[in-house]
Each structure stands twice: as C-alpha cells, then as structure tokens.
Amino acid sequence: MNSKNKTSSSNMGYIFLSGAGLGSWVWKDVMASLKQPSVGVNYPKDPNVGIEEYAQAAIDQIKDLSVEKMVVVSHSLGGVVGLKVAEALGERLAGFVAISAAIPKNGGSFFSSLPFPQKMIMPLIMKLAGTKPPEAALRKGYCNDLSVEQTAEVLKRYAAESAKIYSDSSTLPPSSVPKLYIKTTNDNEFSDTLQNIMQRNLGADKIVTINSGHLPMLSKPEELAGLLDDFVRDFRLR
C-alpha cells in the first residue's frame, strides 16, 4: 500500500520516489511535515518489469490525488524513475527535486550514470549476486547516520528491485519546470563528486545541501521537508 498524507486545498501535490530497496514508508515523516497533499510510491515487486512499469505504477498511485500540479521528488535510483514520471505527467508537472539522485546523461540508464569503472563492474556484480546488497554494504552505504532502530528497519524492509530497472534507458530532464538538487554531505553511497555530476546532468536551477547520509528522509525529515517548502515558495509553485 502506498502512503498518502492529509488532504489540502492546495493546487499542488508531491509524488515521492524512493531509492533502491525502499518504499513509501521512508517518506512518512517528511510527508507529515508538509502542508501539501502527497503520495509515497511503492514499486512493483516483479523481477521481470523495467522502468516503464515502475513509472506507470507511480502514475497509477497518484490517480486519487485531487491536485492539478505535481512536484516529483526522487531519491537515489528513484532519479531515473522520476524522469520517466515527470515525462508522463506532462503539463501537470510543476517541479522536479532530486535528492542524492541518479540523473544519467542524455537519457541513459542508472548504470550509465556511474563513474568508470563502476559502470562496468556493477552490471556483473548484480548478474552474479542479485540486486540486494549484503547487510554490511547497506549498513555502510545507507545507514551511517541512522539510529539503531532506523538501521534495523532498513535492513528488515529492504527488498530487491528488478534488475532491468538499472539498465533501462530513462529520459531527459524536464526543461520547462524548476529543478532542485539536494546534495547529502555525509553520504557513503553517492560521493560529493558523483552528486556534482548528477546535478549538472539535471541542469538544476537551485542546489542546496543537507548534512546527512544517504537517507535524509529518515535521519532529518523535518529539515528535508523545509528544503522542499523553500523550493516551492522560491519558485512560487503553490
């Protein structure tokens, strides 16, 4: 089941797209801090689907949200999904936010967004070991600034994604709406250098930082919600 926050008279809402292995549950505290309606998306649990099905699942989950405009908020692997969702929204798209997100160049894939040699090595690793990382890798990459309880929940609830989602081509960033990139400065999963490349690929109109690990929606949800509020206010998206 996807998560939805309280209804509002706002003309604008948020759609939240998580990174690999996660789901709508990670956005709960962020959504509770926002006034606008929002939906946290859950991806298909089908190893045979790809990016088109992931994006369609997101569109299906916002059908009951009674707003005219949407801001896409994407995290990590959700960046490539978010670009497809943004394209599908068309004129309903109000803005695009990438949080330590993978934004490939020229509409490429998640793998293509990685630096060399990771872009060559990662497909081989996933082919042999699957898409669920070892617990030690999750602790280091995802949980370095989380509480013991939060870490346990991430480890318990992490679910493998379809392998196709990493190699399928995405699409170009939207050109006609404001775009925000939120850099995580204590991130063991996406380096500062990699995030700088991603923000350039996005063509971000605004870049801000948050002193967190890879999952600021868990470690600093209120601060993250404040950055989203600032973006909406600064670009008059309400």
Protein backbone atom coordinates (compact mmCIF):
# COMPACT_ATOMS: atom_id res chain seq x y z
CA MET A 1 0.00 0.00 0.00
CA ASN A 2 1.28 3.45 -0.86
CA SER A 3 1.32 6.25 1.70
CA LYS A 4 -0.72 9.43 1.44
CA ASN A 5 -0.69 12.45 3.70
CA LYS A 6 -3.56 14.68 4.73
CA THR A 7 -5.72 16.36 2.13
CA SER A 8 -5.39 20.08 1.45
CA SER A 9 -6.93 22.87 -0.56
CA SER A 10 -3.58 23.27 -2.33
CA ASN A 11 -3.48 23.07 -6.12
CA MET A 12 -0.13 21.29 -5.90
CA GLY A 13 1.00 17.96 -4.50
CA TYR A 14 4.17 15.88 -4.16
CA ILE A 15 4.98 12.43 -5.50
CA PHE A 16 7.85 10.76 -3.63
CA LEU A 17 10.04 8.14 -5.33
CA SER A 18 12.46 6.22 -3.13
CA GLY A 19 15.82 4.70 -3.84
CA ALA A 20 16.60 1.04 -4.36
CA GLY A 21 15.10 -1.45 -1.94
CA LEU A 22 12.97 1.07 -0.11
CA GLY A 23 9.33 2.12 -0.34
CA SER A 24 6.76 4.69 0.64
CA TRP A 25 7.40 4.08 4.34
CA VAL A 26 10.69 6.04 4.27
CA TRP A 27 8.83 9.27 3.42
CA LYS A 28 6.29 9.11 6.25
CA ASP A 29 7.84 11.77 8.50
CA VAL A 30 8.66 14.11 5.59
CA MET A 31 5.09 13.90 4.30
CA ALA A 32 3.70 14.59 7.77
CA SER A 33 5.71 17.84 7.88
CA LEU A 34 4.29 19.17 4.61
CA LYS A 35 1.02 21.03 4.10
CA GLN A 36 0.50 19.92 0.52
CA PRO A 37 -1.05 16.55 -0.38
CA SER A 38 1.49 13.88 -1.23
CA VAL A 39 1.90 10.25 -2.21
CA GLY A 40 4.81 7.95 -1.42
CA VAL A 41 5.17 5.40 -4.20
CA ASN A 42 5.79 1.67 -3.90
CA TYR A 43 7.48 -0.02 -6.84
CA PRO A 44 6.30 -3.29 -8.45
CA LYS A 45 7.65 -6.41 -6.78
CA ASP A 46 8.17 -8.21 -10.06
CA PRO A 47 11.67 -9.20 -11.21
CA ASN A 48 10.60 -9.12 -14.87
CA VAL A 49 9.49 -5.49 -15.18
CA GLY A 50 11.50 -2.41 -16.06
CA ILE A 51 11.48 1.34 -15.87
CA GLU A 52 8.25 1.77 -17.86
CA GLU A 53 6.35 -0.38 -15.38
CA TYR A 54 7.92 1.40 -12.41
CA ALA A 55 6.87 4.76 -13.81
CA GLN A 56 3.37 3.53 -14.63
CA ALA A 57 3.00 2.20 -11.08
CA ALA A 58 3.82 5.68 -9.80
CA ILE A 59 1.27 7.32 -12.09
CA ASP A 60 -1.37 4.79 -11.02
CA GLN A 61 -0.76 5.58 -7.36
CA ILE A 62 -1.45 9.30 -7.73
CA LYS A 63 -4.77 8.93 -9.58
CA ASP A 64 -6.80 9.70 -6.46
CA LEU A 65 -4.78 12.78 -5.51
CA SER A 66 -7.03 15.74 -6.30
CA VAL A 67 -4.45 18.31 -7.37
CA GLU A 68 -3.71 19.82 -10.76
CA LYS A 69 0.06 20.08 -10.44
CA MET A 70 2.71 17.73 -9.06
CA VAL A 71 6.28 18.13 -7.84
CA VAL A 72 8.31 14.95 -8.41
CA VAL A 73 10.71 14.21 -5.54
CA SER A 74 13.19 11.46 -6.40
CA HIS A 75 15.92 9.81 -4.37
CA SER A 76 18.92 7.74 -5.49
CA LEU A 77 17.76 5.08 -8.01
CA GLY A 78 14.41 6.90 -7.97
CA GLY A 79 16.06 9.60 -10.08
CA VAL A 80 15.78 7.56 -13.28
CA VAL A 81 12.21 6.58 -12.41
CA GLY A 82 11.39 10.18 -11.58
CA LEU A 83 12.49 11.39 -15.00
CA LYS A 84 10.05 8.95 -16.63
CA VAL A 85 7.29 10.02 -14.24
CA ALA A 86 7.97 13.67 -15.00
CA GLU A 87 7.64 12.96 -18.70
CA ALA A 88 4.38 11.09 -18.15
CA LEU A 89 2.91 13.94 -16.08
CA GLY A 90 3.32 16.37 -18.96
CA GLU A 91 1.64 19.69 -18.21
CA ARG A 92 0.79 18.52 -14.67
CA LEU A 93 4.49 18.68 -13.73
CA ALA A 94 5.24 21.71 -11.54
CA GLY A 95 8.81 20.98 -10.44
CA PHE A 96 11.46 18.29 -10.07
CA VAL A 97 13.56 17.56 -6.97
CA ALA A 98 16.50 15.15 -6.90
CA ILE A 99 17.85 14.06 -3.51
CA SER A 100 21.26 12.43 -3.91
CA ALA A 101 19.66 11.03 -7.05
CA ALA A 102 20.97 9.27 -10.13
CA ILE A 103 20.41 11.54 -13.13
CA PRO A 104 22.04 10.00 -16.20
CA LYS A 105 23.39 11.99 -19.10
CA ASN A 106 21.42 12.06 -22.35
CA GLY A 107 18.56 9.95 -21.03
CA GLY A 108 20.79 7.00 -20.20
CA SER A 109 20.40 4.30 -17.55
CA PHE A 110 21.28 4.13 -13.87
CA PHE A 111 24.39 2.13 -14.78
CA SER A 112 25.45 4.76 -17.32
CA SER A 113 25.30 7.46 -14.63
CA LEU A 114 28.02 5.76 -12.58
CA PRO A 115 31.69 6.68 -12.93
CA PHE A 116 34.20 4.33 -14.50
CA PRO A 117 34.91 1.54 -13.55
CA GLN A 118 31.70 1.12 -11.51
CA LYS A 119 29.55 1.35 -14.63
CA MET A 120 31.36 -1.73 -15.96
CA ILE A 121 31.60 -3.66 -12.70
CA MET A 122 28.12 -3.14 -11.24
CA PRO A 123 26.22 -4.98 -14.01
CA LEU A 124 28.45 -8.01 -13.49
CA ILE A 125 28.03 -7.94 -9.72
CA MET A 126 24.25 -7.74 -9.99
CA LYS A 127 24.15 -10.53 -12.55
CA LEU A 128 26.02 -12.80 -10.16
CA ALA A 129 24.74 -11.66 -6.77
CA GLY A 130 21.34 -10.09 -7.47
CA THR A 131 20.10 -6.61 -6.65
CA LYS A 132 20.02 -6.87 -2.86
CA PRO A 133 23.37 -5.79 -1.37
CA PRO A 134 24.92 -7.61 1.60
CA GLU A 135 23.94 -6.31 5.04
CA ALA A 136 27.42 -4.87 5.58
CA ALA A 137 27.12 -2.79 2.39
CA LEU A 138 23.70 -1.50 3.41
CA ARG A 139 24.96 -0.52 6.85
CA LYS A 140 27.88 1.39 5.34
CA GLY A 141 26.10 2.96 2.38
CA TYR A 142 22.61 3.62 3.73
CA CYS A 143 22.79 3.69 7.50
CA ASN A 144 25.93 5.52 8.59
CA ASP A 145 23.99 8.32 10.34
CA LEU A 146 20.82 6.44 11.29
CA SER A 147 19.77 5.33 14.75
CA VAL A 148 19.97 1.68 15.77
CA GLU A 149 16.21 1.38 15.35
CA GLN A 150 16.20 3.02 11.91
CA THR A 151 19.08 0.84 10.76
CA ALA A 152 17.24 -2.29 11.85
CA GLU A 153 14.14 -1.19 9.93
CA VAL A 154 16.11 -0.50 6.74
CA LEU A 155 17.78 -3.90 6.95
CA LYS A 156 14.49 -5.66 7.64
CA ARG A 157 12.44 -3.91 4.96
CA TYR A 158 14.98 -3.62 2.14
CA ALA A 159 13.63 -5.51 -0.89
CA ALA A 160 15.43 -6.45 -4.10
CA GLU A 161 14.50 -4.47 -7.20
CA SER A 162 14.05 -5.72 -10.74
CA ALA A 163 17.44 -5.97 -12.45
CA LYS A 164 16.07 -4.27 -15.56
CA ILE A 165 15.48 -1.01 -13.69
CA TYR A 166 19.24 -0.44 -13.53
CA SER A 167 19.93 -0.94 -17.24
CA ASP A 168 16.79 0.50 -18.88
CA SER A 169 17.15 3.90 -20.51
CA SER A 170 15.42 6.78 -18.78
CA THR A 171 14.66 10.12 -20.43
CA LEU A 172 15.96 13.67 -20.47
CA PRO A 173 15.33 16.01 -17.50
CA PRO A 174 12.34 18.32 -17.90
CA SER A 175 13.35 21.68 -19.36
CA SER A 176 10.27 23.76 -18.64
CA VAL A 177 9.97 23.47 -14.84
CA PRO A 178 12.21 24.47 -11.89
CA LYS A 179 14.65 21.77 -10.81
CA LEU A 180 16.29 21.37 -7.40
CA TYR A 181 19.21 19.11 -6.48
CA ILE A 182 19.69 18.35 -2.77
CA LYS A 183 23.22 17.17 -2.00
CA THR A 184 23.82 14.94 1.01
CA THR A 185 27.19 15.86 2.51
CA ASN A 186 27.79 12.79 4.70
CA ASP A 187 26.82 10.24 2.05
CA ASN A 188 28.70 6.95 1.81
CA GLU A 189 26.64 5.75 -1.16
CA PHE A 190 26.87 8.71 -3.59
CA SER A 191 30.08 10.72 -3.32
CA ASP A 192 30.20 14.50 -3.49
CA THR A 193 31.91 14.25 -6.90
CA LEU A 194 29.21 11.95 -8.24
CA GLN A 195 26.45 14.20 -6.94
CA ASN A 196 28.10 17.19 -8.64
CA ILE A 197 27.91 15.29 -11.94
CA MET A 198 24.28 14.38 -11.30
CA GLN A 199 23.26 17.97 -10.57
CA ARG A 200 24.89 19.11 -13.81
CA ASN A 201 23.11 16.36 -15.74
CA LEU A 202 19.84 17.55 -14.23
CA GLY A 203 20.51 21.16 -15.13
CA ALA A 204 19.47 22.16 -11.61
CA ASP A 205 18.13 25.68 -11.16
CA LYS A 206 18.91 25.50 -7.45
CA ILE A 207 21.37 23.40 -5.44
CA VAL A 208 21.24 23.03 -1.68
CA THR A 209 22.96 20.75 0.83
CA ILE A 210 21.82 18.77 3.83
CA ASN A 211 24.32 17.36 6.33
CA SER A 212 23.11 13.78 6.25
CA GLY A 213 23.90 10.33 5.00
CA HIS A 214 22.16 8.76 2.02
CA LEU A 215 18.74 8.68 3.69
CA PRO A 216 17.90 12.20 4.92
CA MET A 217 14.19 11.36 4.81
CA LEU A 218 14.90 9.14 7.82
CA SER A 219 17.72 10.99 9.59
CA LYS A 220 16.50 14.59 9.06
CA PRO A 221 12.89 14.51 7.82
CA GLU A 222 11.85 17.93 9.13
CA GLU A 223 14.91 19.66 7.66
CA LEU A 224 14.32 17.91 4.33
CA ALA A 225 10.66 18.97 4.35
CA GLY A 226 11.83 22.54 5.00
CA LEU A 227 14.05 22.43 1.90
CA LEU A 228 11.08 21.27 -0.16
CA ASP A 229 8.93 24.07 1.26
CA ASP A 230 11.66 26.59 0.40
CA PHE A 231 11.84 25.31 -3.18
CA VAL A 232 8.08 25.53 -3.65
CA ARG A 233 7.99 29.02 -2.14
CA ASP A 234 11.02 30.37 -4.00
CA PHE A 235 9.65 29.28 -7.37
CA ARG A 236 6.03 30.07 -6.49
CA LEU A 237 4.77 26.58 -7.24
CA ARG A 238 1.84 26.55 -4.80
